[in-house]
């Protein structure tokens, strides 16, 4: 058997990091039936480019580079009410959380809406939890966060959200300070 060059193995390792979900397209193993469409999770990639697997049917047969084939799934990790699940299809996750929004109200609807917004932003990990330490200023805050205008993914405290909005319209430092004082009743 010829092993692939180091550059190819490095590319495979980059494309299929640990935890990547895949669907089997073809595997020709004389000792175990591995049906097309079987899904599994990549555990690691060895130095021959073989994907070391945990298949959903319990098998751990590796996907041999150049012999077998899989396709990468558009999976997303979602944490809701403290429970984390990996969904194999972003589209199915989108549809599930959209329906959850429609069938709920109040704080439950807010949780589902946050997850749905993160899915639409293209996040690979989504959660219903809000941070309580702002990554922009490092301060603790309460209440609903703002979505940073810098990357449209990071949740920041309301004050930093206001400052980013003011920066976006070119407000001077003096204007920003005056507005922040007015918000905080100073």
C-alpha atoms as a PDB file:
ATOM      1  CA  UNK A   1       0.000   0.000   0.000  1.00  0.00           C
ATOM      2  CA  UNK A   2       1.266   3.452  -0.873  1.00  0.00           C
ATOM      3  CA  UNK A   3       0.879   6.090   1.802  1.00  0.00           C
ATOM      4  CA  UNK A   4      -0.081   9.647   0.874  1.00  0.00           C
ATOM      5  CA  UNK A   5       2.523  12.424   1.080  1.00  0.00           C
ATOM      6  CA  UNK A   6       2.842  14.434   4.319  1.00  0.00           C
ATOM      7  CA  UNK A   7       1.156  17.483   2.717  1.00  0.00           C
ATOM      8  CA  UNK A   8      -1.931  15.398   1.904  1.00  0.00           C
ATOM      9  CA  UNK A   9      -2.084  13.949   5.427  1.00  0.00           C
ATOM     10  CA  UNK A  10      -1.770  17.456   6.891  1.00  0.00           C
ATOM     11  CA  UNK A  11      -4.628  18.646   4.657  1.00  0.00           C
ATOM     12  CA  UNK A  12      -6.817  15.709   5.743  1.00  0.00           C
ATOM     13  CA  UNK A  13      -6.056  16.455   9.409  1.00  0.00           C
ATOM     14  CA  UNK A  14      -7.039  20.086   8.896  1.00  0.00           C
ATOM     15  CA  UNK A  15     -10.237  19.201   7.009  1.00  0.00           C
ATOM     16  CA  UNK A  16     -11.365  16.505   9.457  1.00  0.00           C
ATOM     17  CA  UNK A  17     -10.490  17.602  13.018  1.00  0.00           C
ATOM     18  CA  UNK A  18     -11.634  15.574  16.014  1.00  0.00           C
ATOM     19  CA  UNK A  19     -15.410  15.727  16.406  1.00  0.00           C
ATOM     20  CA  UNK A  20     -16.174  16.232  12.702  1.00  0.00           C
ATOM     21  CA  UNK A  21     -19.359  14.435  11.664  1.00  0.00           C
ATOM     22  CA  UNK A  22     -19.253  12.521   8.368  1.00  0.00           C
ATOM     23  CA  UNK A  23     -21.512  10.358   6.213  1.00  0.00           C
ATOM     24  CA  UNK A  24     -20.189   7.238   4.508  1.00  0.00           C
ATOM     25  CA  UNK A  25     -20.253   7.242   0.715  1.00  0.00           C
ATOM     26  CA  UNK A  26     -18.237   4.062   0.105  1.00  0.00           C
ATOM     27  CA  UNK A  27     -16.330   1.498   2.152  1.00  0.00           C
ATOM     28  CA  UNK A  28     -15.347  -1.906   0.818  1.00  0.00           C
ATOM     29  CA  UNK A  29     -14.673  -4.070   3.874  1.00  0.00           C
ATOM     30  CA  UNK A  30     -14.950  -7.867   3.397  1.00  0.00           C
ATOM     31  CA  UNK A  31     -15.636  -8.526   7.101  1.00  0.00           C
ATOM     32  CA  UNK A  32     -18.170  -5.857   8.066  1.00  0.00           C
ATOM     33  CA  UNK A  33     -21.194  -4.423   6.246  1.00  0.00           C
ATOM     34  CA  UNK A  34     -20.848  -0.647   6.283  1.00  0.00           C
ATOM     35  CA  UNK A  35     -23.909   0.783   4.530  1.00  0.00           C
ATOM     36  CA  UNK A  36     -23.813   3.918   2.424  1.00  0.00           C
ATOM     37  CA  UNK A  37     -25.280   6.812   4.412  1.00  0.00           C
ATOM     38  CA  UNK A  38     -23.960   5.580   7.782  1.00  0.00           C
ATOM     39  CA  UNK A  39     -22.899   8.505   9.946  1.00  0.00           C
ATOM     40  CA  UNK A  40     -20.061   8.783  12.399  1.00  0.00           C
ATOM     41  CA  UNK A  41     -17.673  11.027  14.296  1.00  0.00           C
ATOM     42  CA  UNK A  42     -13.982  11.471  13.528  1.00  0.00           C
ATOM     43  CA  UNK A  43     -11.859  10.648  16.584  1.00  0.00           C
ATOM     44  CA  UNK A  44      -8.514  11.543  14.979  1.00  0.00           C
ATOM     45  CA  UNK A  45      -6.540  11.296  11.749  1.00  0.00           C
ATOM     46  CA  UNK A  46      -3.471   9.051  11.861  1.00  0.00           C
ATOM     47  CA  UNK A  47      -0.175   9.596  10.034  1.00  0.00           C
ATOM     48  CA  UNK A  48      -1.396   7.679   6.949  1.00  0.00           C
ATOM     49  CA  UNK A  49      -4.435   9.948   6.493  1.00  0.00           C
ATOM     50  CA  UNK A  50      -6.849   7.322   7.847  1.00  0.00           C
ATOM     51  CA  UNK A  51      -9.822   8.766   9.704  1.00  0.00           C
ATOM     52  CA  UNK A  52     -10.137   6.957  13.031  1.00  0.00           C
ATOM     53  CA  UNK A  53     -13.902   6.722  13.560  1.00  0.00           C
ATOM     54  CA  UNK A  54     -16.714   6.168  16.013  1.00  0.00           C
ATOM     55  CA  UNK A  55     -19.575   5.116  13.732  1.00  0.00           C
ATOM     56  CA  UNK A  56     -23.176   5.477  14.892  1.00  0.00           C
ATOM     57  CA  UNK A  57     -23.619   1.683  14.483  1.00  0.00           C
ATOM     58  CA  UNK A  58     -20.877   1.043  17.079  1.00  0.00           C
ATOM     59  CA  UNK A  59     -18.132   0.199  14.597  1.00  0.00           C
ATOM     60  CA  UNK A  60     -14.711   1.798  14.795  1.00  0.00           C
ATOM     61  CA  UNK A  61     -13.486   0.926  11.290  1.00  0.00           C
ATOM     62  CA  UNK A  62     -11.204   3.620   9.904  1.00  0.00           C
ATOM     63  CA  UNK A  63     -11.776   5.443   6.648  1.00  0.00           C
ATOM     64  CA  UNK A  64      -8.661   4.672   4.586  1.00  0.00           C
ATOM     65  CA  UNK A  65      -7.369   7.542   2.458  1.00  0.00           C
ATOM     66  CA  UNK A  66      -7.663   6.699  -1.251  1.00  0.00           C
ATOM     67  CA  UNK A  67      -9.794   3.581  -0.635  1.00  0.00           C
ATOM     68  CA  UNK A  68     -12.930   4.676   1.221  1.00  0.00           C
ATOM     69  CA  UNK A  69     -14.922   7.869   0.927  1.00  0.00           C
ATOM     70  CA  UNK A  70     -17.028  10.049   3.208  1.00  0.00           C
ATOM     71  CA  UNK A  71     -18.578  13.464   3.006  1.00  0.00           C
ATOM     72  CA  UNK A  72     -18.342  16.039   5.743  1.00  0.00           C
ATOM     73  CA  UNK A  73     -21.694  16.948   7.293  1.00  0.00           C
ATOM     74  CA  UNK A  74     -22.733  20.546   7.973  1.00  0.00           C
ATOM     75  CA  UNK A  75     -23.103  19.763  11.657  1.00  0.00           C
ATOM     76  CA  UNK A  76     -23.631  22.191  14.499  1.00  0.00           C
ATOM     77  CA  UNK A  77     -23.250  21.811  18.265  1.00  0.00           C
ATOM     78  CA  UNK A  78     -26.195  23.275  20.188  1.00  0.00           C
ATOM     79  CA  UNK A  79     -26.450  23.746  23.952  1.00  0.00           C
ATOM     80  CA  UNK A  80     -29.968  24.410  25.217  1.00  0.00           C
ATOM     81  CA  UNK A  81     -31.082  24.212  28.856  1.00  0.00           C
ATOM     82  CA  UNK A  82     -27.622  22.866  29.726  1.00  0.00           C
ATOM     83  CA  UNK A  83     -27.858  19.878  27.348  1.00  0.00           C
ATOM     84  CA  UNK A  84     -25.476  19.734  24.392  1.00  0.00           C
ATOM     85  CA  UNK A  85     -26.377  17.922  21.166  1.00  0.00           C
ATOM     86  CA  UNK A  86     -24.609  17.705  17.830  1.00  0.00           C
ATOM     87  CA  UNK A  87     -27.036  18.076  14.954  1.00  0.00           C
ATOM     88  CA  UNK A  88     -25.822  16.632  11.655  1.00  0.00           C
ATOM     89  CA  UNK A  89     -27.665  19.156   9.518  1.00  0.00           C
ATOM     90  CA  UNK A  90     -27.599  22.921   9.974  1.00  0.00           C
ATOM     91  CA  UNK A  91     -30.758  23.141   7.847  1.00  0.00           C
ATOM     92  CA  UNK A  92     -32.606  20.729  10.148  1.00  0.00           C
ATOM     93  CA  UNK A  93     -31.362  22.647  13.201  1.00  0.00           C
ATOM     94  CA  UNK A  94     -32.565  25.923  11.623  1.00  0.00           C
ATOM     95  CA  UNK A  95     -36.003  24.429  10.995  1.00  0.00           C
ATOM     96  CA  UNK A  96     -36.214  22.887  14.490  1.00  0.00           C
ATOM     97  CA  UNK A  97     -35.385  26.135  16.309  1.00  0.00           C
ATOM     98  CA  UNK A  98     -37.619  28.216  14.040  1.00  0.00           C
ATOM     99  CA  UNK A  99     -40.529  25.911  14.938  1.00  0.00           C
ATOM    100  CA  UNK A 100     -39.510  26.076  18.607  1.00  0.00           C
ATOM    101  CA  UNK A 101     -39.686  29.895  18.452  1.00  0.00           C
ATOM    102  CA  UNK A 102     -43.150  29.728  16.895  1.00  0.00           C
ATOM    103  CA  UNK A 103     -44.396  27.292  19.544  1.00  0.00           C
ATOM    104  CA  UNK A 104     -43.094  29.080  22.614  1.00  0.00           C
ATOM    105  CA  UNK A 105     -43.267  32.402  24.398  1.00  0.00           C
ATOM    106  CA  UNK A 106     -41.468  34.461  27.014  1.00  0.00           C
ATOM    107  CA  UNK A 107     -38.029  33.413  28.224  1.00  0.00           C
ATOM    108  CA  UNK A 108     -38.256  30.052  26.439  1.00  0.00           C
ATOM    109  CA  UNK A 109     -38.833  31.855  23.144  1.00  0.00           C
ATOM    110  CA  UNK A 110     -35.864  34.141  23.908  1.00  0.00           C
ATOM    111  CA  UNK A 111     -33.617  31.067  24.373  1.00  0.00           C
ATOM    112  CA  UNK A 112     -34.677  29.568  21.054  1.00  0.00           C
ATOM    113  CA  UNK A 113     -34.364  32.919  19.300  1.00  0.00           C
ATOM    114  CA  UNK A 114     -30.779  33.331  20.518  1.00  0.00           C
ATOM    115  CA  UNK A 115     -29.841  29.868  19.213  1.00  0.00           C
ATOM    116  CA  UNK A 116     -31.644  30.500  15.909  1.00  0.00           C
ATOM    117  CA  UNK A 117     -29.823  33.827  15.438  1.00  0.00           C
ATOM    118  CA  UNK A 118     -26.471  32.125  16.068  1.00  0.00           C
ATOM    119  CA  UNK A 119     -27.364  29.410  13.535  1.00  0.00           C
ATOM    120  CA  UNK A 120     -28.207  32.061  10.937  1.00  0.00           C
ATOM    121  CA  UNK A 121     -24.862  33.776  11.686  1.00  0.00           C
ATOM    122  CA  UNK A 122     -23.123  30.554  10.681  1.00  0.00           C
ATOM    123  CA  UNK A 123     -21.809  29.646  14.147  1.00  0.00           C
ATOM    124  CA  UNK A 124     -20.724  26.010  14.500  1.00  0.00           C
ATOM    125  CA  UNK A 125     -21.467  26.106  18.244  1.00  0.00           C
ATOM    126  CA  UNK A 126     -24.659  27.731  19.510  1.00  0.00           C
ATOM    127  CA  UNK A 127     -26.003  28.206  23.027  1.00  0.00           C
ATOM    128  CA  UNK A 128     -28.998  29.653  24.817  1.00  0.00           C
ATOM    129  CA  UNK A 129     -26.713  31.004  27.531  1.00  0.00           C
ATOM    130  CA  UNK A 130     -25.646  34.613  27.646  1.00  0.00           C
ATOM    131  CA  UNK A 131     -22.171  35.462  28.900  1.00  0.00           C
ATOM    132  CA  UNK A 132     -21.989  37.586  31.994  1.00  0.00           C
ATOM    133  CA  UNK A 133     -18.441  38.860  31.415  1.00  0.00           C
ATOM    134  CA  UNK A 134     -18.023  41.151  28.421  1.00  0.00           C
ATOM    135  CA  UNK A 135     -15.175  39.967  26.166  1.00  0.00           C
ATOM    136  CA  UNK A 136     -14.642  43.543  24.946  1.00  0.00           C
ATOM    137  CA  UNK A 137     -14.233  45.395  28.261  1.00  0.00           C
ATOM    138  CA  UNK A 138     -13.879  42.470  30.686  1.00  0.00           C
ATOM    139  CA  UNK A 139     -16.594  43.789  33.023  1.00  0.00           C
ATOM    140  CA  UNK A 140     -19.438  41.775  34.526  1.00  0.00           C
ATOM    141  CA  UNK A 141     -22.943  42.726  33.387  1.00  0.00           C
ATOM    142  CA  UNK A 142     -26.568  41.691  33.839  1.00  0.00           C
ATOM    143  CA  UNK A 143     -29.376  41.485  31.323  1.00  0.00           C
ATOM    144  CA  UNK A 144     -29.407  40.941  27.605  1.00  0.00           C
ATOM    145  CA  UNK A 145     -26.166  41.403  25.703  1.00  0.00           C
ATOM    146  CA  UNK A 146     -25.552  43.262  22.472  1.00  0.00           C
ATOM    147  CA  UNK A 147     -24.232  41.618  19.332  1.00  0.00           C
ATOM    148  CA  UNK A 148     -20.852  43.099  18.434  1.00  0.00           C
ATOM    149  CA  UNK A 149     -20.820  45.068  15.187  1.00  0.00           C
ATOM    150  CA  UNK A 150     -17.196  44.058  14.651  1.00  0.00           C
ATOM    151  CA  UNK A 151     -17.907  40.382  13.839  1.00  0.00           C
ATOM    152  CA  UNK A 152     -21.691  39.946  14.190  1.00  0.00           C
ATOM    153  CA  UNK A 153     -21.049  36.849  16.345  1.00  0.00           C
ATOM    154  CA  UNK A 154     -19.679  37.951  19.708  1.00  0.00           C
ATOM    155  CA  UNK A 155     -22.043  38.960  22.497  1.00  0.00           C
ATOM    156  CA  UNK A 156     -20.862  41.991  24.464  1.00  0.00           C
ATOM    157  CA  UNK A 157     -22.282  44.062  27.308  1.00  0.00           C
ATOM    158  CA  UNK A 158     -24.924  46.714  26.511  1.00  0.00           C
ATOM    159  CA  UNK A 159     -22.460  49.551  27.217  1.00  0.00           C
ATOM    160  CA  UNK A 160     -19.925  48.188  24.721  1.00  0.00           C
ATOM    161  CA  UNK A 161     -22.775  47.674  22.259  1.00  0.00           C
ATOM    162  CA  UNK A 162     -23.721  51.331  22.614  1.00  0.00           C
ATOM    163  CA  UNK A 163     -20.087  52.411  22.223  1.00  0.00           C
ATOM    164  CA  UNK A 164     -19.668  50.312  19.062  1.00  0.00           C
ATOM    165  CA  UNK A 165     -22.831  51.854  17.613  1.00  0.00           C
ATOM    166  CA  UNK A 166     -21.558  55.351  18.389  1.00  0.00           C
ATOM    167  CA  UNK A 167     -18.153  54.531  16.892  1.00  0.00           C
ATOM    168  CA  UNK A 168     -19.896  53.281  13.751  1.00  0.00           C
ATOM    169  CA  UNK A 169     -21.510  56.683  13.220  1.00  0.00           C
ATOM    170  CA  UNK A 170     -18.270  58.547  13.975  1.00  0.00           C
ATOM    171  CA  UNK A 171     -19.209  60.029  17.354  1.00  0.00           C
ATOM    172  CA  UNK A 172     -16.434  61.916  19.133  1.00  0.00           C
ATOM    173  CA  UNK A 173     -15.001  60.727  22.450  1.00  0.00           C
ATOM    174  CA  UNK A 174     -16.768  63.630  24.200  1.00  0.00           C
ATOM    175  CA  UNK A 175     -20.131  62.715  22.638  1.00  0.00           C
ATOM    176  CA  UNK A 176     -19.682  59.062  23.582  1.00  0.00           C
ATOM    177  CA  UNK A 177     -18.863  60.022  27.179  1.00  0.00           C
ATOM    178  CA  UNK A 178     -21.891  62.357  27.400  1.00  0.00           C
ATOM    179  CA  UNK A 179     -24.246  59.685  26.049  1.00  0.00           C
ATOM    180  CA  UNK A 180     -22.901  57.039  28.438  1.00  0.00           C
ATOM    181  CA  UNK A 181     -23.361  59.460  31.376  1.00  0.00           C
ATOM    182  CA  UNK A 182     -26.943  60.122  30.282  1.00  0.00           C
ATOM    183  CA  UNK A 183     -27.671  56.369  30.019  1.00  0.00           C
ATOM    184  CA  UNK A 184     -26.347  55.780  33.528  1.00  0.00           C
ATOM    185  CA  UNK A 185     -28.009  58.897  35.003  1.00  0.00           C
ATOM    186  CA  UNK A 186     -24.739  60.595  35.910  1.00  0.00           C
END
